[in-house]
Protein backbone atom coordinates (compact mmCIF):
# COMPACT_ATOMS: atom_id res chain seq x y z
CA UNK A 1 -22.45 4.15 -45.80
CA UNK A 2 -19.20 3.84 -43.89
CA UNK A 3 -17.95 0.50 -42.66
CA UNK A 4 -15.38 0.59 -39.89
CA UNK A 5 -13.68 -2.78 -39.50
CA UNK A 6 -12.07 -3.39 -36.12
CA UNK A 7 -9.52 -6.21 -35.93
CA UNK A 8 -6.64 -7.09 -33.66
CA UNK A 9 -4.31 -5.42 -36.18
CA UNK A 10 -6.15 -2.10 -36.29
CA UNK A 11 -9.02 -0.30 -37.96
CA UNK A 12 -9.91 -0.02 -41.61
CA UNK A 13 -12.58 2.34 -42.98
CA UNK A 14 -14.43 1.71 -46.24
CA UNK A 15 -16.99 3.74 -48.13
CA UNK A 16 -19.77 1.47 -49.44
CA UNK A 17 -22.72 2.08 -51.75
CA UNK A 18 -25.17 0.02 -49.71
CA UNK A 19 -27.65 0.89 -46.97
CA UNK A 20 -27.09 -0.04 -43.33
CA UNK A 21 -30.36 -2.00 -43.35
CA UNK A 22 -29.31 -4.08 -46.36
CA UNK A 23 -25.87 -4.76 -44.90
CA UNK A 24 -27.30 -5.86 -41.55
CA UNK A 25 -29.83 -8.12 -43.27
CA UNK A 26 -27.11 -9.78 -45.39
CA UNK A 27 -24.86 -10.33 -42.38
CA UNK A 28 -27.73 -11.77 -40.31
CA UNK A 29 -28.59 -14.17 -43.13
CA UNK A 30 -24.98 -15.24 -43.49
CA UNK A 31 -24.49 -15.71 -39.73
CA UNK A 32 -27.63 -17.85 -39.54
CA UNK A 33 -26.58 -19.93 -42.56
CA UNK A 34 -23.28 -20.87 -40.91
CA UNK A 35 -24.78 -21.37 -37.46
CA UNK A 36 -23.10 -18.36 -35.85
CA UNK A 37 -24.57 -15.71 -33.60
CA UNK A 38 -24.67 -12.03 -34.41
CA UNK A 39 -25.44 -9.00 -32.30
CA UNK A 40 -26.40 -5.60 -33.63
CA UNK A 41 -26.18 -2.79 -31.09
CA UNK A 42 -26.68 0.92 -31.63
CA UNK A 43 -23.77 2.92 -30.29
CA UNK A 44 -20.73 4.99 -31.16
CA UNK A 45 -17.32 4.20 -32.61
CA UNK A 46 -14.27 6.38 -32.73
CA UNK A 47 -10.90 6.69 -34.38
CA UNK A 48 -7.89 8.91 -33.82
CA UNK A 49 -6.38 11.28 -36.34
CA UNK A 50 -3.23 13.34 -36.12
CA UNK A 51 -3.90 16.99 -35.41
CA UNK A 52 -2.31 18.18 -38.66
CA UNK A 53 -3.34 21.00 -40.99
CA UNK A 54 -4.91 18.64 -43.56
CA UNK A 55 -6.97 16.90 -40.88
CA UNK A 56 -8.16 20.24 -39.53
CA UNK A 57 -9.41 21.22 -43.02
CA UNK A 58 -11.46 18.02 -43.28
CA UNK A 59 -12.80 18.45 -39.74
CA UNK A 60 -13.89 22.02 -40.50
CA UNK A 61 -16.08 20.73 -43.36
CA UNK A 62 -17.96 18.19 -41.23
CA UNK A 63 -21.52 19.48 -40.98
CA UNK A 64 -23.24 16.58 -39.22
CA UNK A 65 -23.75 17.51 -35.56
CA UNK A 66 -23.96 13.85 -34.50
CA UNK A 67 -20.23 13.48 -35.22
CA UNK A 68 -18.17 14.13 -32.12
CA UNK A 69 -14.76 15.74 -32.32
CA UNK A 70 -12.56 15.90 -29.23
CA UNK A 71 -8.97 17.07 -28.89
CA UNK A 72 -7.12 14.31 -27.01
CA UNK A 73 -3.83 16.17 -26.64
CA UNK A 74 -1.55 18.34 -28.75
CA UNK A 75 -1.01 15.57 -31.29
CA UNK A 76 -4.32 13.73 -31.70
CA UNK A 77 -8.03 14.30 -32.26
CA UNK A 78 -10.72 11.69 -31.60
CA UNK A 79 -13.58 11.47 -34.10
CA UNK A 80 -16.71 9.72 -32.78
CA UNK A 81 -19.53 8.45 -35.01
CA UNK A 82 -23.04 7.14 -34.26
CA UNK A 83 -24.04 3.85 -35.85
CA UNK A 84 -24.37 0.11 -35.32
CA UNK A 85 -21.87 -2.44 -33.98
CA UNK A 86 -22.09 -5.90 -35.57
CA UNK A 87 -20.19 -8.78 -34.01
CA UNK A 88 -20.55 -12.42 -33.06
CA UNK A 89 -21.25 -11.53 -29.42
CA UNK A 90 -21.50 -8.41 -27.23
CA UNK A 91 -17.96 -8.56 -25.83
CA UNK A 92 -16.27 -9.29 -29.17
CA UNK A 93 -13.18 -7.20 -29.88
CA UNK A 94 -13.43 -7.88 -33.61
CA UNK A 95 -16.40 -6.64 -35.54
CA UNK A 96 -17.84 -4.14 -37.96
CA UNK A 97 -19.31 -0.73 -37.23
CA UNK A 98 -21.73 0.80 -39.74
CA UNK A 99 -22.50 4.51 -39.97
CA UNK A 100 -24.41 6.56 -42.52
CA UNK A 101 -24.12 10.26 -43.36
CA UNK A 102 -24.51 12.51 -46.40
CA UNK A 103 -22.12 11.49 -49.21
CA UNK A 104 -19.92 14.58 -48.78
CA UNK A 105 -19.56 13.95 -45.03
CA UNK A 106 -18.67 10.30 -45.63
CA UNK A 107 -16.06 11.31 -48.22
CA UNK A 108 -14.53 13.79 -45.75
CA UNK A 109 -14.42 11.15 -43.00
CA UNK A 110 -12.63 8.67 -45.28
CA UNK A 111 -10.20 11.37 -46.45
CA UNK A 112 -9.60 12.35 -42.83
CA UNK A 113 -8.80 8.77 -41.88
CA UNK A 114 -6.53 8.31 -44.92
CA UNK A 115 -4.60 11.53 -44.32
CA UNK A 116 -4.04 10.42 -40.76
CA UNK A 117 -1.97 7.51 -42.04
CA UNK A 118 -4.25 4.77 -40.71
CA UNK A 119 -4.80 3.04 -44.04
CA UNK A 120 -3.76 -0.58 -43.90
CA UNK A 121 -4.22 -3.67 -45.94
CA UNK A 122 -5.95 -6.50 -44.15
CA UNK A 123 -4.20 -8.92 -46.52
CA UNK A 124 -0.63 -7.82 -45.68
């Protein structure tokens, strides 16, 4: 499963060995235990990658037809994924997006994001 974390400082993508259902259940339990709300909406999330040769190689290997790829301009490509948005409320700008694909597709998506130079540490 892929976890896309959206914060005010950017996006971080992680590859997790847990199902979407289990992750949603754990987050719902935690939110309830601390008296917070949580919404879970099906939808799409996207991230930009530089239109470089390495990115194009990873994009060419993506076999899942539910993944959208759109050329934004000469420099960037938008990658769009289906999944579930988890946040405290519907209009929240911070939250987590969960998506699940075959292991090889998930590995290519993480590699694509990393080669695009988006990796960041949320602790820095």
